[in-house]
């Protein structure tokens, strides 16, 4: 899903809107879905974790999401003064100068540059069943992730923080239209990422590094991870590769 949107944007900005609209996005999505399923099937000891009915539903939902994105792209992605810096832009640097061997690494889904204002925008694509509620928007873990991207993108490329904006681009899996109007599958959310959030993310990451690693960059064997709200997103959660104590 993310890959198709990223590919569409790449063609749109590097070639033309017409060229992007000519892409067979349904075929592209099917290819990425097949590749991802094959990869997860292999990592799951070659055990199937879905079925044809569920996969068909997932595919149909994905096609509809991409079609709506292509139809409404102008509302969210303008070519008037905007340039695509890159998709999956790689950032990697040591967050704490006292631990030079511990690196923060991230891949930014989409990075845009607005030439008239000299501003950059980091866009994180999220999928959600029915969009984000006020509770998900207020989730500090989600916000701190994007704030961390802003902080380290600024440091790696020597760009002033005030020239960087951040945005969540949320694509809904399901919509339930009312009799009066159709519900959009696309939702945009711009979280706060100012000085207060910057200080918080810096303290959080430094605390983790100082507690979990020694000065050489090796994991401190006395520090044992414990299960928390982020565990559900970890691909190693409750597998033999997970060292958390439950």
C-alpha atoms as a PDB file:
ATOM      1  CA  UNK A   1       0.000   0.000   0.000  1.00  0.00           C
ATOM      2  CA  UNK A   2       2.685   2.450   1.086  1.00  0.00           C
ATOM      3  CA  UNK A   3       4.887   1.348  -1.803  1.00  0.00           C
ATOM      4  CA  UNK A   4       2.185   2.067  -4.388  1.00  0.00           C
ATOM      5  CA  UNK A   5       1.536   5.576  -3.029  1.00  0.00           C
ATOM      6  CA  UNK A   6       5.273   6.255  -2.933  1.00  0.00           C
ATOM      7  CA  UNK A   7       5.708   5.010  -6.488  1.00  0.00           C
ATOM      8  CA  UNK A   8       2.770   7.127  -7.663  1.00  0.00           C
ATOM      9  CA  UNK A   9       4.269  10.247  -6.060  1.00  0.00           C
ATOM     10  CA  UNK A  10       7.690   9.530  -7.547  1.00  0.00           C
ATOM     11  CA  UNK A  11       6.262   9.345 -11.068  1.00  0.00           C
ATOM     12  CA  UNK A  12       4.033  12.373 -10.434  1.00  0.00           C
ATOM     13  CA  UNK A  13       6.914  14.628  -9.390  1.00  0.00           C
ATOM     14  CA  UNK A  14       9.725  13.211 -11.512  1.00  0.00           C
ATOM     15  CA  UNK A  15       7.651  12.852 -14.683  1.00  0.00           C
ATOM     16  CA  UNK A  16       4.112  14.236 -14.731  1.00  0.00           C
ATOM     17  CA  UNK A  17       0.654  13.903 -13.222  1.00  0.00           C
ATOM     18  CA  UNK A  18      -0.548  12.343 -16.486  1.00  0.00           C
ATOM     19  CA  UNK A  19       2.174   9.683 -16.306  1.00  0.00           C
ATOM     20  CA  UNK A  20       1.224   8.890 -12.713  1.00  0.00           C
ATOM     21  CA  UNK A  21      -2.446   8.583 -13.669  1.00  0.00           C
ATOM     22  CA  UNK A  22      -1.516   6.080 -16.372  1.00  0.00           C
ATOM     23  CA  UNK A  23      -0.012   3.703 -13.818  1.00  0.00           C
ATOM     24  CA  UNK A  24      -1.857   0.448 -13.321  1.00  0.00           C
ATOM     25  CA  UNK A  25      -2.109   0.888  -9.553  1.00  0.00           C
ATOM     26  CA  UNK A  26      -4.309  -2.191  -9.081  1.00  0.00           C
ATOM     27  CA  UNK A  27      -1.640  -4.369 -10.647  1.00  0.00           C
ATOM     28  CA  UNK A  28       1.116  -2.676  -8.656  1.00  0.00           C
ATOM     29  CA  UNK A  29      -0.780  -3.247  -5.424  1.00  0.00           C
ATOM     30  CA  UNK A  30      -1.397  -6.904  -6.249  1.00  0.00           C
ATOM     31  CA  UNK A  31       2.322  -7.409  -6.904  1.00  0.00           C
ATOM     32  CA  UNK A  32       3.349  -5.789  -3.618  1.00  0.00           C
ATOM     33  CA  UNK A  33       0.665  -7.731  -1.723  1.00  0.00           C
ATOM     34  CA  UNK A  34       1.864 -11.030  -3.174  1.00  0.00           C
ATOM     35  CA  UNK A  35       5.503 -10.208  -2.415  1.00  0.00           C
ATOM     36  CA  UNK A  36       4.753  -9.168   1.152  1.00  0.00           C
ATOM     37  CA  UNK A  37       2.617 -12.232   1.818  1.00  0.00           C
ATOM     38  CA  UNK A  38       5.335 -14.525   0.455  1.00  0.00           C
ATOM     39  CA  UNK A  39       7.925 -12.842   2.698  1.00  0.00           C
ATOM     40  CA  UNK A  40       5.729 -13.107   5.810  1.00  0.00           C
ATOM     41  CA  UNK A  41       4.775 -16.700   4.933  1.00  0.00           C
ATOM     42  CA  UNK A  42       8.453 -17.633   4.819  1.00  0.00           C
ATOM     43  CA  UNK A  43       9.231 -15.875   8.106  1.00  0.00           C
ATOM     44  CA  UNK A  44       6.229 -17.649   9.690  1.00  0.00           C
ATOM     45  CA  UNK A  45       7.860 -21.074   9.208  1.00  0.00           C
ATOM     46  CA  UNK A  46       5.927 -21.457   5.945  1.00  0.00           C
ATOM     47  CA  UNK A  47       2.614 -21.467   7.752  1.00  0.00           C
ATOM     48  CA  UNK A  48      -0.317 -19.616   6.166  1.00  0.00           C
ATOM     49  CA  UNK A  49      -1.737 -16.863   8.351  1.00  0.00           C
ATOM     50  CA  UNK A  50      -4.630 -15.779   6.109  1.00  0.00           C
ATOM     51  CA  UNK A  51      -7.062 -17.217   3.571  1.00  0.00           C
ATOM     52  CA  UNK A  52      -8.262 -16.335   0.052  1.00  0.00           C
ATOM     53  CA  UNK A  53     -11.439 -14.621   1.290  1.00  0.00           C
ATOM     54  CA  UNK A  54      -9.579 -12.391   3.739  1.00  0.00           C
ATOM     55  CA  UNK A  55      -6.868 -11.569   1.202  1.00  0.00           C
ATOM     56  CA  UNK A  56      -9.463 -10.696  -1.446  1.00  0.00           C
ATOM     57  CA  UNK A  57     -11.144  -8.318   0.973  1.00  0.00           C
ATOM     58  CA  UNK A  58      -7.790  -6.756   1.808  1.00  0.00           C
ATOM     59  CA  UNK A  59      -6.974  -6.402  -1.887  1.00  0.00           C
ATOM     60  CA  UNK A  60     -10.335  -4.807  -2.745  1.00  0.00           C
ATOM     61  CA  UNK A  61     -10.004  -2.346   0.144  1.00  0.00           C
ATOM     62  CA  UNK A  62      -6.475  -1.480  -0.977  1.00  0.00           C
ATOM     63  CA  UNK A  63      -7.537  -0.841  -4.561  1.00  0.00           C
ATOM     64  CA  UNK A  64     -10.292   1.510  -3.399  1.00  0.00           C
ATOM     65  CA  UNK A  65      -7.892   3.398  -1.126  1.00  0.00           C
ATOM     66  CA  UNK A  66      -5.385   3.904  -3.927  1.00  0.00           C
ATOM     67  CA  UNK A  67      -8.093   5.002  -6.362  1.00  0.00           C
ATOM     68  CA  UNK A  68      -9.341   7.635  -3.937  1.00  0.00           C
ATOM     69  CA  UNK A  69      -5.788   8.802  -3.282  1.00  0.00           C
ATOM     70  CA  UNK A  70      -5.180   9.221  -7.020  1.00  0.00           C
ATOM     71  CA  UNK A  71      -8.473  11.074  -7.415  1.00  0.00           C
ATOM     72  CA  UNK A  72      -7.843  13.478  -4.505  1.00  0.00           C
ATOM     73  CA  UNK A  73      -4.059  13.798  -4.717  1.00  0.00           C
ATOM     74  CA  UNK A  74      -4.232  17.484  -5.599  1.00  0.00           C
ATOM     75  CA  UNK A  75      -5.767  18.257  -2.216  1.00  0.00           C
ATOM     76  CA  UNK A  76      -2.795  16.798  -0.374  1.00  0.00           C
ATOM     77  CA  UNK A  77       0.114  16.914  -2.844  1.00  0.00           C
ATOM     78  CA  UNK A  78       0.520  20.003  -4.988  1.00  0.00           C
ATOM     79  CA  UNK A  79       3.159  20.508  -7.683  1.00  0.00           C
ATOM     80  CA  UNK A  80       2.964  24.284  -7.344  1.00  0.00           C
ATOM     81  CA  UNK A  81       6.328  25.057  -5.786  1.00  0.00           C
ATOM     82  CA  UNK A  82       6.631  21.593  -4.253  1.00  0.00           C
ATOM     83  CA  UNK A  83       9.364  19.064  -5.029  1.00  0.00           C
ATOM     84  CA  UNK A  84       9.729  15.454  -3.953  1.00  0.00           C
ATOM     85  CA  UNK A  85      12.953  15.066  -1.978  1.00  0.00           C
ATOM     86  CA  UNK A  86      12.523  11.321  -1.713  1.00  0.00           C
ATOM     87  CA  UNK A  87      10.631   8.296  -0.455  1.00  0.00           C
ATOM     88  CA  UNK A  88      12.098   6.016   2.212  1.00  0.00           C
ATOM     89  CA  UNK A  89      14.696   8.719   2.930  1.00  0.00           C
ATOM     90  CA  UNK A  90      17.308   7.142   5.170  1.00  0.00           C
ATOM     91  CA  UNK A  91      18.474   8.827   8.367  1.00  0.00           C
ATOM     92  CA  UNK A  92      21.100   7.334  10.666  1.00  0.00           C
ATOM     93  CA  UNK A  93      23.198   9.046  13.316  1.00  0.00           C
ATOM     94  CA  UNK A  94      24.198   8.706  16.987  1.00  0.00           C
ATOM     95  CA  UNK A  95      21.615  10.522  19.155  1.00  0.00           C
ATOM     96  CA  UNK A  96      23.870  10.648  22.207  1.00  0.00           C
ATOM     97  CA  UNK A  97      27.471  11.843  21.809  1.00  0.00           C
ATOM     98  CA  UNK A  98      28.517   9.769  24.836  1.00  0.00           C
ATOM     99  CA  UNK A  99      27.387   6.590  23.031  1.00  0.00           C
ATOM    100  CA  UNK A 100      28.847   7.009  19.508  1.00  0.00           C
ATOM    101  CA  UNK A 101      28.277   3.359  18.605  1.00  0.00           C
ATOM    102  CA  UNK A 102      24.533   3.479  19.296  1.00  0.00           C
ATOM    103  CA  UNK A 103      22.762   4.712  16.185  1.00  0.00           C
ATOM    104  CA  UNK A 104      19.238   5.942  15.541  1.00  0.00           C
ATOM    105  CA  UNK A 105      17.976   4.728  12.163  1.00  0.00           C
ATOM    106  CA  UNK A 106      14.777   5.537  10.319  1.00  0.00           C
ATOM    107  CA  UNK A 107      13.232   5.576   6.872  1.00  0.00           C
ATOM    108  CA  UNK A 108      10.984   8.548   6.171  1.00  0.00           C
ATOM    109  CA  UNK A 109       8.014   7.584   4.004  1.00  0.00           C
ATOM    110  CA  UNK A 110       7.836  10.842   2.051  1.00  0.00           C
ATOM    111  CA  UNK A 111       9.893  14.057   2.255  1.00  0.00           C
ATOM    112  CA  UNK A 112       8.747  17.151   0.358  1.00  0.00           C
ATOM    113  CA  UNK A 113      10.377  20.545  -0.220  1.00  0.00           C
ATOM    114  CA  UNK A 114       8.484  23.790  -0.812  1.00  0.00           C
ATOM    115  CA  UNK A 115      10.782  26.089  -2.762  1.00  0.00           C
ATOM    116  CA  UNK A 116       8.905  29.417  -2.260  1.00  0.00           C
ATOM    117  CA  UNK A 117       9.089  29.148   1.551  1.00  0.00           C
ATOM    118  CA  UNK A 118      12.237  26.999   1.832  1.00  0.00           C
ATOM    119  CA  UNK A 119      10.298  24.547   4.007  1.00  0.00           C
ATOM    120  CA  UNK A 120      10.534  20.769   4.217  1.00  0.00           C
ATOM    121  CA  UNK A 121       7.682  18.417   5.106  1.00  0.00           C
ATOM    122  CA  UNK A 122       8.116  14.912   6.495  1.00  0.00           C
ATOM    123  CA  UNK A 123       5.045  12.764   5.827  1.00  0.00           C
ATOM    124  CA  UNK A 124       4.459   9.479   7.616  1.00  0.00           C
ATOM    125  CA  UNK A 125       1.902   7.229   5.912  1.00  0.00           C
ATOM    126  CA  UNK A 126      -0.306   5.254   8.279  1.00  0.00           C
ATOM    127  CA  UNK A 127      -3.063   2.759   7.594  1.00  0.00           C
ATOM    128  CA  UNK A 128      -5.999   2.483   9.970  1.00  0.00           C
ATOM    129  CA  UNK A 129      -9.206   0.520   9.886  1.00  0.00           C
ATOM    130  CA  UNK A 130     -11.523   3.511  10.260  1.00  0.00           C
ATOM    131  CA  UNK A 131      -9.122   6.437  10.687  1.00  0.00           C
ATOM    132  CA  UNK A 132      -7.736   8.041  13.811  1.00  0.00           C
ATOM    133  CA  UNK A 133      -9.957   9.115  16.671  1.00  0.00           C
ATOM    134  CA  UNK A 134      -9.043  11.911  19.083  1.00  0.00           C
ATOM    135  CA  UNK A 135      -7.472   9.288  21.340  1.00  0.00           C
ATOM    136  CA  UNK A 136      -5.135   8.025  18.626  1.00  0.00           C
ATOM    137  CA  UNK A 137      -4.247  11.575  17.670  1.00  0.00           C
ATOM    138  CA  UNK A 138      -3.280  12.272  21.267  1.00  0.00           C
ATOM    139  CA  UNK A 139      -1.105   9.138  21.487  1.00  0.00           C
ATOM    140  CA  UNK A 140       2.285  10.486  22.570  1.00  0.00           C
ATOM    141  CA  UNK A 141       4.187   7.475  21.219  1.00  0.00           C
ATOM    142  CA  UNK A 142       2.896   8.150  17.713  1.00  0.00           C
ATOM    143  CA  UNK A 143       3.719  11.833  17.938  1.00  0.00           C
ATOM    144  CA  UNK A 144       7.190  11.309  19.393  1.00  0.00           C
ATOM    145  CA  UNK A 145       8.125   9.010  16.507  1.00  0.00           C
ATOM    146  CA  UNK A 146       7.498  11.770  13.985  1.00  0.00           C
ATOM    147  CA  UNK A 147       9.133  14.363  16.225  1.00  0.00           C
ATOM    148  CA  UNK A 148      12.231  12.134  16.382  1.00  0.00           C
ATOM    149  CA  UNK A 149      12.277  11.980  12.582  1.00  0.00           C
ATOM    150  CA  UNK A 150      12.143  15.761  12.446  1.00  0.00           C
ATOM    151  CA  UNK A 151      14.935  16.149  15.018  1.00  0.00           C
ATOM    152  CA  UNK A 152      17.371  13.754  13.354  1.00  0.00           C
ATOM    153  CA  UNK A 153      16.511  14.774   9.798  1.00  0.00           C
ATOM    154  CA  UNK A 154      17.393  18.315  10.877  1.00  0.00           C
ATOM    155  CA  UNK A 155      20.679  17.223  12.400  1.00  0.00           C
ATOM    156  CA  UNK A 156      21.743  14.889   9.599  1.00  0.00           C
ATOM    157  CA  UNK A 157      21.090  17.344   6.776  1.00  0.00           C
ATOM    158  CA  UNK A 158      21.830  20.540   8.703  1.00  0.00           C
ATOM    159  CA  UNK A 159      18.356  21.995   8.201  1.00  0.00           C
ATOM    160  CA  UNK A 160      16.898  24.365  10.830  1.00  0.00           C
ATOM    161  CA  UNK A 161      14.095  22.702  12.775  1.00  0.00           C
ATOM    162  CA  UNK A 162      11.805  25.669  12.170  1.00  0.00           C
ATOM    163  CA  UNK A 163      12.018  24.895   8.440  1.00  0.00           C
ATOM    164  CA  UNK A 164      10.679  21.370   8.882  1.00  0.00           C
ATOM    165  CA  UNK A 165       7.004  20.419   9.185  1.00  0.00           C
ATOM    166  CA  UNK A 166       5.609  16.978   9.982  1.00  0.00           C
ATOM    167  CA  UNK A 167       2.359  15.306   9.009  1.00  0.00           C
ATOM    168  CA  UNK A 168       0.579  11.988   9.384  1.00  0.00           C
ATOM    169  CA  UNK A 169      -1.141  10.856   6.178  1.00  0.00           C
ATOM    170  CA  UNK A 170      -3.746   8.328   7.308  1.00  0.00           C
ATOM    171  CA  UNK A 171      -5.482   5.977   4.888  1.00  0.00           C
ATOM    172  CA  UNK A 172      -8.568   4.134   6.144  1.00  0.00           C
ATOM    173  CA  UNK A 173      -9.154   0.491   5.342  1.00  0.00           C
ATOM    174  CA  UNK A 174     -12.900   0.754   5.794  1.00  0.00           C
ATOM    175  CA  UNK A 175     -15.455   3.514   5.346  1.00  0.00           C
ATOM    176  CA  UNK A 176     -19.133   3.471   6.166  1.00  0.00           C
ATOM    177  CA  UNK A 177     -20.984   6.031   4.075  1.00  0.00           C
ATOM    178  CA  UNK A 178     -24.103   7.629   5.452  1.00  0.00           C
ATOM    179  CA  UNK A 179     -27.186   8.386   3.397  1.00  0.00           C
ATOM    180  CA  UNK A 180     -26.212  12.068   3.257  1.00  0.00           C
ATOM    181  CA  UNK A 181     -22.551  11.977   2.320  1.00  0.00           C
ATOM    182  CA  UNK A 182     -19.617   9.751   1.441  1.00  0.00           C
ATOM    183  CA  UNK A 183     -16.836   9.351   3.997  1.00  0.00           C
ATOM    184  CA  UNK A 184     -13.306   9.966   2.752  1.00  0.00           C
ATOM    185  CA  UNK A 185     -10.707   7.223   3.078  1.00  0.00           C
ATOM    186  CA  UNK A 186      -7.973   9.831   3.572  1.00  0.00           C
ATOM    187  CA  UNK A 187      -7.227  11.748   6.744  1.00  0.00           C
ATOM    188  CA  UNK A 188      -4.421  14.210   7.482  1.00  0.00           C
ATOM    189  CA  UNK A 189      -3.142  15.069  10.934  1.00  0.00           C
ATOM    190  CA  UNK A 190      -0.413  17.594  11.798  1.00  0.00           C
ATOM    191  CA  UNK A 191       0.854  17.050  15.365  1.00  0.00           C
ATOM    192  CA  UNK A 192       2.721  19.554  17.482  1.00  0.00           C
ATOM    193  CA  UNK A 193       6.489  19.147  17.089  1.00  0.00           C
ATOM    194  CA  UNK A 194       7.932  22.259  18.681  1.00  0.00           C
ATOM    195  CA  UNK A 195      10.535  22.800  21.378  1.00  0.00           C
ATOM    196  CA  UNK A 196       8.593  21.043  24.147  1.00  0.00           C
ATOM    197  CA  UNK A 197       8.127  17.875  22.053  1.00  0.00           C
ATOM    198  CA  UNK A 198      11.758  18.040  20.894  1.00  0.00           C
ATOM    199  CA  UNK A 199      12.991  18.136  24.486  1.00  0.00           C
ATOM    200  CA  UNK A 200      10.720  15.245  25.421  1.00  0.00           C
ATOM    201  CA  UNK A 201      11.862  13.005  22.589  1.00  0.00           C
ATOM    202  CA  UNK A 202      15.510  13.794  23.326  1.00  0.00           C
ATOM    203  CA  UNK A 203      15.094  12.902  27.014  1.00  0.00           C
ATOM    204  CA  UNK A 204      13.160   9.711  26.176  1.00  0.00           C
ATOM    205  CA  UNK A 205      15.760   8.440  23.718  1.00  0.00           C
ATOM    206  CA  UNK A 206      18.719   9.373  25.917  1.00  0.00           C
ATOM    207  CA  UNK A 207      17.114   7.637  28.903  1.00  0.00           C
ATOM    208  CA  UNK A 208      16.621   4.480  26.849  1.00  0.00           C
ATOM    209  CA  UNK A 209      20.214   4.511  25.562  1.00  0.00           C
ATOM    210  CA  UNK A 210      21.710   5.138  28.990  1.00  0.00           C
ATOM    211  CA  UNK A 211      19.676   2.346  30.573  1.00  0.00           C
ATOM    212  CA  UNK A 212      19.988  -0.237  27.818  1.00  0.00           C
ATOM    213  CA  UNK A 213      23.587   0.095  26.551  1.00  0.00           C
ATOM    214  CA  UNK A 214      27.088   0.339  27.904  1.00  0.00           C
ATOM    215  CA  UNK A 215      29.552   2.938  26.587  1.00  0.00           C
ATOM    216  CA  UNK A 216      30.858   0.565  23.895  1.00  0.00           C
ATOM    217  CA  UNK A 217      27.396   0.252  22.372  1.00  0.00           C
ATOM    218  CA  UNK A 218      26.714  -3.293  23.560  1.00  0.00           C
ATOM    219  CA  UNK A 219      23.424  -4.043  25.240  1.00  0.00           C
ATOM    220  CA  UNK A 220      23.556  -3.975  28.990  1.00  0.00           C
ATOM    221  CA  UNK A 221      22.750  -7.555  30.016  1.00  0.00           C
ATOM    222  CA  UNK A 222      21.366  -6.309  33.322  1.00  0.00           C
ATOM    223  CA  UNK A 223      18.687  -4.314  31.518  1.00  0.00           C
ATOM    224  CA  UNK A 224      15.782  -6.581  30.633  1.00  0.00           C
ATOM    225  CA  UNK A 225      13.028  -5.238  28.372  1.00  0.00           C
ATOM    226  CA  UNK A 226       9.451  -5.514  29.595  1.00  0.00           C
ATOM    227  CA  UNK A 227       6.231  -5.701  27.623  1.00  0.00           C
ATOM    228  CA  UNK A 228       4.598  -2.337  26.863  1.00  0.00           C
ATOM    229  CA  UNK A 229       2.108  -0.754  24.457  1.00  0.00           C
ATOM    230  CA  UNK A 230       4.649  -0.722  21.615  1.00  0.00           C
ATOM    231  CA  UNK A 231       5.179  -4.487  21.703  1.00  0.00           C
ATOM    232  CA  UNK A 232       2.147  -5.147  19.512  1.00  0.00           C
ATOM    233  CA  UNK A 233       3.940  -3.482  16.580  1.00  0.00           C
ATOM    234  CA  UNK A 234       7.111  -5.544  16.970  1.00  0.00           C
ATOM    235  CA  UNK A 235       7.527  -8.416  14.473  1.00  0.00           C
ATOM    236  CA  UNK A 236       9.367 -10.433  17.156  1.00  0.00           C
ATOM    237  CA  UNK A 237       6.684 -10.024  19.831  1.00  0.00           C
ATOM    238  CA  UNK A 238       6.302 -13.255  21.833  1.00  0.00           C
ATOM    239  CA  UNK A 239       8.577 -15.208  19.489  1.00  0.00           C
ATOM    240  CA  UNK A 240      11.793 -16.980  20.431  1.00  0.00           C
ATOM    241  CA  UNK A 241      13.668 -13.819  19.379  1.00  0.00           C
ATOM    242  CA  UNK A 242      11.901 -11.684  21.982  1.00  0.00           C
ATOM    243  CA  UNK A 243      13.739 -11.262  25.280  1.00  0.00           C
ATOM    244  CA  UNK A 244      11.004  -9.326  27.058  1.00  0.00           C
ATOM    245  CA  UNK A 245       9.755 -10.768  30.317  1.00  0.00           C
ATOM    246  CA  UNK A 246       6.010 -11.350  30.518  1.00  0.00           C
END
